Protein backbone atom coordinates (compact mmCIF):
# COMPACT_ATOMS: atom_id res chain seq x y z
CA MET A 1 -8.36 -99.04 74.97
CA PHE A 2 -6.67 -96.65 72.55
CA LYS A 3 -5.70 -97.88 69.14
CA ARG A 4 -2.23 -97.26 67.87
CA LYS A 5 -2.20 -94.95 64.95
CA ASN A 6 -0.73 -96.17 61.82
CA LYS A 7 2.26 -94.15 60.69
CA ASN A 8 1.06 -94.31 57.17
CA SER A 9 -2.16 -92.57 58.19
CA TYR A 10 -0.34 -89.20 58.18
CA ARG A 11 0.32 -89.48 54.49
CA SER A 12 -1.79 -87.47 52.20
CA ARG A 13 -4.51 -89.12 50.29
CA GLY A 14 -3.32 -90.73 47.14
CA GLU A 15 0.28 -90.64 48.32
CA ARG A 16 2.19 -93.82 47.89
CA ASP A 17 5.71 -94.97 48.53
CA GLY A 18 8.00 -93.94 45.74
CA ASP A 19 5.36 -91.85 44.11
CA LYS A 20 4.93 -88.01 44.53
CA PRO A 21 1.98 -87.01 42.38
CA VAL A 22 1.39 -83.76 44.29
CA PHE A 23 4.92 -82.51 43.60
CA MET A 24 4.66 -83.37 39.90
CA TYR A 25 1.24 -81.72 39.61
CA THR A 26 2.51 -78.52 41.21
CA TYR A 27 5.56 -78.41 38.97
CA HIS A 28 3.57 -78.71 35.76
CA ASN A 29 1.03 -76.19 36.98
CA VAL A 30 3.71 -73.55 37.66
CA ARG A 31 5.40 -74.22 34.34
CA ASP A 32 2.12 -73.87 32.48
CA ASN A 33 1.47 -70.51 34.18
CA PHE A 34 4.97 -69.31 33.26
CA ASP A 35 4.48 -70.26 29.60
CA ASP A 36 1.13 -68.41 29.48
CA LYS A 37 2.67 -65.26 30.95
CA ARG A 38 5.55 -65.44 28.49
CA ASP A 39 3.11 -65.75 25.55
CA ARG A 40 1.15 -62.79 26.80
CA ASN A 41 4.29 -60.72 27.25
CA GLU A 42 5.44 -61.61 23.75
CA LYS A 43 2.06 -60.50 22.38
CA LYS A 44 2.29 -57.25 24.33
CA GLU A 45 5.77 -56.62 22.94
CA LEU A 46 4.60 -57.43 19.40
CA ILE A 47 1.73 -54.88 19.43
CA PRO A 48 3.97 -51.83 20.12
CA LYS A 49 6.34 -53.05 17.41
CA LEU A 50 3.44 -52.97 14.96
CA ILE A 51 2.01 -49.61 16.22
CA ASN A 52 5.25 -47.62 16.55
CA PRO A 53 5.90 -47.36 12.78
CA PHE A 54 2.38 -46.02 12.28
CA LYS A 55 2.91 -43.48 15.04
CA LYS A 56 6.15 -42.33 13.47
CA LEU A 57 4.54 -42.13 10.04
CA SER A 58 1.61 -40.13 11.42
CA ALA A 59 3.96 -37.74 13.19
CA LEU A 60 5.93 -37.28 9.96
CA ILE A 61 2.76 -36.54 8.00
CA VAL A 62 1.64 -33.99 10.59
CA LEU A 63 5.08 -32.38 10.50
CA ILE A 64 4.98 -32.14 6.70
CA ILE A 65 1.49 -30.63 6.80
CA LEU A 66 2.59 -28.03 9.36
CA LEU A 67 5.67 -27.21 7.30
CA ILE A 68 3.60 -26.74 4.15
CA ALA A 69 1.12 -24.57 6.06
CA PHE A 70 3.97 -22.44 7.43
CA ILE A 71 5.56 -21.99 4.00
CA ASN A 72 2.20 -21.05 2.53
CA LEU A 73 1.63 -18.59 5.36
CA ILE A 74 4.89 -16.67 4.87
CA TYR A 75 5.08 -16.98 1.06
CA LEU A 76 4.55 -13.82 -1.01
CA SER A 77 3.52 -13.72 -4.64
CA SER A 78 5.49 -11.69 -7.16
CA THR A 79 2.26 -10.01 -8.30
CA PRO A 80 1.52 -7.27 -5.73
CA LYS A 81 -1.62 -5.22 -5.42
CA VAL A 82 -0.82 -1.58 -6.17
CA TYR A 83 -3.13 1.33 -5.34
CA LEU A 84 -2.62 4.92 -6.49
CA LEU A 85 -4.31 7.19 -3.95
CA ASN A 86 -4.96 10.91 -3.87
CA SER A 87 -4.14 13.08 -0.87
CA ASN A 88 -7.46 12.07 0.73
CA SER A 89 -6.45 8.39 0.62
CA LYS A 90 -9.01 7.58 -2.05
CA ILE A 91 -8.38 5.83 -5.36
CA SER A 92 -7.14 8.33 -7.94
CA ASN A 93 -8.94 7.53 -11.20
CA LEU A 94 -6.85 10.09 -13.06
CA TYR A 95 -3.45 8.69 -12.09
CA ASN A 96 -4.59 5.10 -12.37
CA SER A 97 -5.70 5.70 -15.95
CA LEU A 98 -2.49 7.57 -16.82
CA TYR A 99 0.20 5.74 -14.88
CA GLY A 100 -1.42 2.72 -13.26
CA GLN A 101 0.17 0.06 -15.47
CA LYS A 102 3.61 1.70 -15.51
CA VAL A 103 3.69 2.09 -11.73
CA TYR A 104 2.54 -1.50 -11.24
CA LEU A 105 5.33 -2.84 -13.46
CA GLU A 106 7.89 -0.73 -11.58
CA VAL A 107 6.75 -2.05 -8.19
CA LYS A 108 6.70 -5.62 -9.50
CA SER A 109 10.22 -5.23 -10.89
CA TYR A 110 11.40 -4.00 -7.50
CA LEU A 111 9.92 -7.02 -5.71
CA ASN A 112 11.42 -9.43 -8.25
CA SER A 113 14.88 -7.92 -7.81
CA SER A 114 15.52 -9.96 -4.65
CA LEU A 115 14.56 -13.45 -3.48
CA LEU A 116 14.16 -12.02 0.02
CA ASN A 117 10.99 -10.30 -1.16
CA TYR A 118 9.23 -13.63 -1.69
CA ASN A 119 8.38 -14.18 1.95
CA LYS A 120 6.87 -12.09 4.70
CA LEU A 121 9.76 -12.50 7.12
CA SER A 122 12.52 -11.06 4.93
CA ILE A 123 10.75 -8.72 2.49
CA ASN A 124 12.50 -5.35 2.23
CA LEU A 125 10.42 -2.35 1.15
CA ASN A 126 12.57 0.35 2.75
CA SER A 127 13.95 1.68 -0.53
CA LEU A 128 10.74 1.27 -2.54
CA ASN A 129 9.69 4.87 -1.86
CA LYS A 130 12.96 6.21 -3.29
CA GLU A 131 12.77 3.95 -6.33
CA VAL A 132 9.20 4.86 -7.22
CA THR A 133 9.23 8.59 -6.45
CA SER A 134 12.40 9.11 -8.49
CA LYS A 135 10.65 7.78 -11.60
CA PHE A 136 7.14 9.05 -10.91
CA PRO A 137 7.02 12.60 -9.47
CA ILE A 138 3.27 12.25 -8.94
CA ILE A 139 4.01 9.94 -5.99
CA THR A 140 4.79 11.60 -2.68
CA ASN A 141 4.70 8.70 -0.26
CA THR A 142 4.50 4.91 -0.12
CA SER A 143 3.10 2.54 2.46
CA TYR A 144 2.35 -1.16 2.44
CA ASN A 145 0.38 -3.88 4.14
CA ILE A 146 1.31 -7.56 4.39
CA PRO A 147 -1.90 -9.55 5.07
CA LEU A 148 -1.47 -12.49 7.43
CA PHE A 149 -3.58 -14.98 5.48
CA LYS A 150 -2.99 -13.66 1.95
CA ASN A 151 0.02 -14.00 -0.32
CA GLN A 152 -0.07 -10.62 -2.07
CA VAL A 153 1.61 -7.59 -0.55
CA GLU A 154 -0.53 -4.45 -0.82
CA ILE A 155 1.32 -1.29 -1.90
CA TYR A 156 -0.34 2.10 -1.33
CA LEU A 157 1.13 5.04 -3.27
CA THR A 158 -0.05 8.51 -2.25
CA THR A 159 0.01 11.01 -5.10
CA SER A 160 0.05 14.78 -5.44
CA ASN A 161 -3.23 16.42 -6.29
CA PRO A 162 -3.16 18.28 -9.64
CA ALA A 163 -3.11 22.02 -8.96
CA LEU A 164 -2.35 23.92 -12.16
CA LEU A 165 -2.30 23.31 -15.89
CA LEU A 166 0.78 24.74 -17.61
CA SER A 167 1.13 25.21 -21.35
CA ASN A 168 4.09 26.41 -23.44
CA ASN A 169 2.24 26.19 -26.76
CA LYS A 170 3.97 22.88 -27.43
CA ASN A 171 2.90 20.61 -24.61
CA ASN A 172 0.64 20.73 -21.61
CA TYR A 173 1.89 19.96 -18.12
CA VAL A 174 0.32 19.50 -14.72
CA LEU A 175 1.83 21.07 -11.60
CA ASN A 176 1.15 19.85 -8.08
CA GLN A 177 0.58 21.99 -4.99
CA ASN A 178 4.33 22.45 -4.58
CA GLY A 179 4.78 23.78 -8.10
CA GLU A 180 6.46 20.62 -9.40
CA VAL A 181 5.73 19.28 -12.87
CA ILE A 182 4.11 15.89 -12.30
CA LEU A 183 2.50 15.09 -15.67
CA ASN A 184 2.82 15.86 -19.35
CA ASP A 185 0.37 15.21 -22.14
CA GLN A 186 2.56 12.97 -24.23
CA GLY A 187 0.21 10.14 -25.09
CA TYR A 188 -2.45 11.29 -22.61
CA ASN A 189 -5.55 13.11 -23.81
CA THR A 190 -7.14 13.49 -20.40
CA ILE A 191 -4.89 16.39 -19.31
CA ASP A 192 -6.61 18.81 -21.68
CA SER A 193 -9.93 18.09 -20.01
CA LEU A 194 -8.75 18.79 -16.47
CA ASP A 195 -10.65 21.63 -14.79
CA LEU A 196 -7.59 23.50 -13.50
CA PRO A 197 -6.38 27.10 -13.64
CA LYS A 198 -4.33 27.44 -16.82
CA ILE A 199 -0.95 29.14 -16.96
CA ILE A 200 0.69 30.16 -20.25
CA THR A 201 4.47 30.25 -20.37
CA SER A 202 7.08 30.76 -23.08
CA ASP A 203 9.51 28.41 -21.35
CA GLY A 204 10.27 25.59 -23.76
CA ALA A 205 12.61 23.61 -21.49
CA ILE A 206 10.07 22.01 -19.14
CA LYS A 207 10.70 18.56 -17.76
CA VAL A 208 8.60 16.27 -15.63
CA GLY A 209 9.96 16.40 -12.11
CA SER A 210 11.26 19.97 -12.35
CA SER A 211 10.06 22.68 -9.97
CA LEU A 212 8.69 25.80 -11.68
CA LEU A 213 6.76 27.57 -8.92
CA SER A 214 6.77 27.74 -5.15
CA ALA A 215 3.92 26.40 -3.05
CA GLN A 216 3.07 30.01 -2.11
CA GLN A 217 2.75 31.00 -5.77
CA VAL A 218 0.55 28.02 -6.56
CA GLY A 219 -1.71 28.89 -3.62
CA PHE A 220 -1.88 32.51 -4.76
CA ILE A 221 -2.95 31.53 -8.29
CA GLN A 222 -5.58 29.12 -6.99
CA SER A 223 -6.98 31.75 -4.65
CA VAL A 224 -7.28 34.36 -7.44
CA ASP A 225 -9.10 31.82 -9.59
CA GLN A 226 -11.51 30.98 -6.77
CA GLN A 227 -12.20 34.60 -5.83
CA LEU A 228 -13.03 35.65 -9.38
CA ALA A 229 -15.04 32.50 -10.15
CA ALA A 230 -17.19 33.20 -7.08
CA LYS A 231 -18.23 36.49 -8.73
CA LYS A 232 -18.87 34.81 -12.10
CA TYR A 233 -15.67 36.03 -13.75
CA LEU A 234 -14.33 33.16 -15.78
CA ILE A 235 -10.60 33.15 -16.36
CA SER A 236 -9.45 32.25 -19.84
CA TYR A 237 -5.78 31.86 -18.88
CA MET A 238 -2.99 33.44 -16.84
CA LYS A 239 0.57 34.46 -17.64
CA ILE A 240 3.55 34.88 -15.36
CA SER A 241 5.69 37.87 -16.27
CA GLY A 242 8.00 40.43 -14.69
CA GLY A 243 10.61 37.82 -13.87
CA GLY A 244 8.09 35.69 -12.00
CA GLU A 245 6.75 38.51 -9.80
CA GLU A 246 3.64 39.41 -11.82
CA LEU A 247 0.55 37.38 -12.61
CA ASP A 248 -1.50 38.58 -15.56
CA VAL A 249 -5.06 37.29 -15.53
CA TYR A 250 -7.09 37.27 -18.76
CA ILE A 251 -10.86 37.17 -18.24
CA LYS A 252 -13.26 35.78 -20.81
CA GLY A 253 -15.22 38.48 -22.64
CA GLU A 254 -13.04 41.36 -21.41
CA THR A 255 -10.70 43.55 -23.45
CA PHE A 256 -8.22 43.97 -20.59
CA PHE A 257 -6.19 41.78 -18.26
CA VAL A 258 -5.58 42.20 -14.53
CA LYS A 259 -2.13 42.54 -12.98
CA PHE A 260 -1.64 40.75 -9.64
CA ASN A 261 1.43 40.69 -7.42
CA LEU A 262 2.57 37.07 -7.49
CA SER A 263 5.56 37.81 -5.25
CA GLY A 264 4.31 38.23 -1.69
CA GLY A 265 0.86 39.62 -2.52
CA ASP A 266 -2.43 38.82 -0.79
CA ALA A 267 -4.72 37.20 -3.33
CA ARG A 268 -7.93 37.93 -1.44
CA LEU A 269 -7.15 41.64 -0.98
CA GLU A 270 -6.03 42.11 -4.56
CA ALA A 271 -9.07 40.27 -5.89
CA GLY A 272 -11.22 42.51 -3.70
CA ARG A 273 -9.56 45.62 -5.16
CA PHE A 274 -10.27 44.37 -8.66
CA LEU A 275 -13.94 43.71 -7.93
CA ALA A 276 -14.34 47.15 -6.36
CA SER A 277 -12.58 48.84 -9.26
CA ILE A 278 -14.59 47.04 -11.94
CA ASN A 279 -17.82 48.13 -10.23
CA TYR A 280 -16.58 51.72 -10.22
CA LEU A 281 -15.49 51.60 -13.86
CA THR A 282 -18.75 49.99 -14.99
CA THR A 283 -20.81 52.56 -13.11
CA ASN A 284 -18.85 55.40 -14.70
CA LYS A 285 -18.91 53.70 -18.12
CA ILE A 286 -15.14 53.47 -18.28
CA ASN A 287 -13.81 50.59 -20.33
CA PRO A 288 -10.08 49.81 -19.91
CA THR A 289 -8.58 48.46 -23.09
CA GLN A 290 -5.24 47.20 -21.78
CA TYR A 291 -5.06 46.37 -18.10
CA ILE A 292 -6.19 46.97 -14.52
CA ASP A 293 -3.32 46.98 -12.02
CA VAL A 294 -4.27 46.02 -8.44
CA ARG A 295 -0.77 45.33 -7.12
CA SER A 296 -0.42 48.52 -5.05
CA GLU A 297 -2.14 48.63 -1.68
CA GLY A 298 -4.89 51.24 -1.61
CA ARG A 299 -4.53 52.11 -5.27
CA VAL A 300 -5.78 50.76 -8.59
CA PHE A 301 -4.37 51.71 -11.96
CA TYR A 302 -5.99 51.10 -15.32
CA LYS A 303 -5.28 51.83 -18.93
């Protein structure tokens, strides 16, 4: 009723005695897959080997560019920009025309004296003020600016304002507000044209940088000049006498001079005494031929 199953019926299709095609097929299939993976891995390993040198070269180029940019950023030229300023921090045309080139060469020489001054990180300008002011008395202070994106250091030199013109019949000199001689007229024609109160002296040993008057005396002389000019009295020149205690003022068109107290006097009060006395003398038709002395408080002398 039931048929006996053939033992060979359990064998896979196509399977024969002594022959194992399935096993051989599987073996070759696995081997082929292994070879493909190995080829792909070799290709993957080859690509980084080709790219890495380019990456390293690119990184080196970037590094060089950054280094050049950094050097250019901190580098300073040996040709600075130098500005001569007056006390109001404005360009001084007078001093630039007289001393501009000389001061520039002095500052440039200072910067070239050290290799440290060729970059922004090590530049040393601490002693520049001493170097410049010792050779140019017109300069009172120095300051500087190092621009971030420029290669020229900017040097600002503040100068003394001219206050008085001094003459010893040989040379003309300019005094600053502190009474120091800051200029002479050797080679400079512009000094004669300066609109400054003029002092006549017999002192022949005058040197640039020397101190001849005090700041108080300079202020006194300037105040006398201003007070008389306000009343239309033009001063021809002034002389310092009496061992430096007396200021003799010579007025244009007058036959007399006026004696002021240069040592501790009040210029406004003494100028006021002169103006009052000249009104009195004119009204009374009195004409002094030598001097009017306003040095004593409450009294005026004339001759």
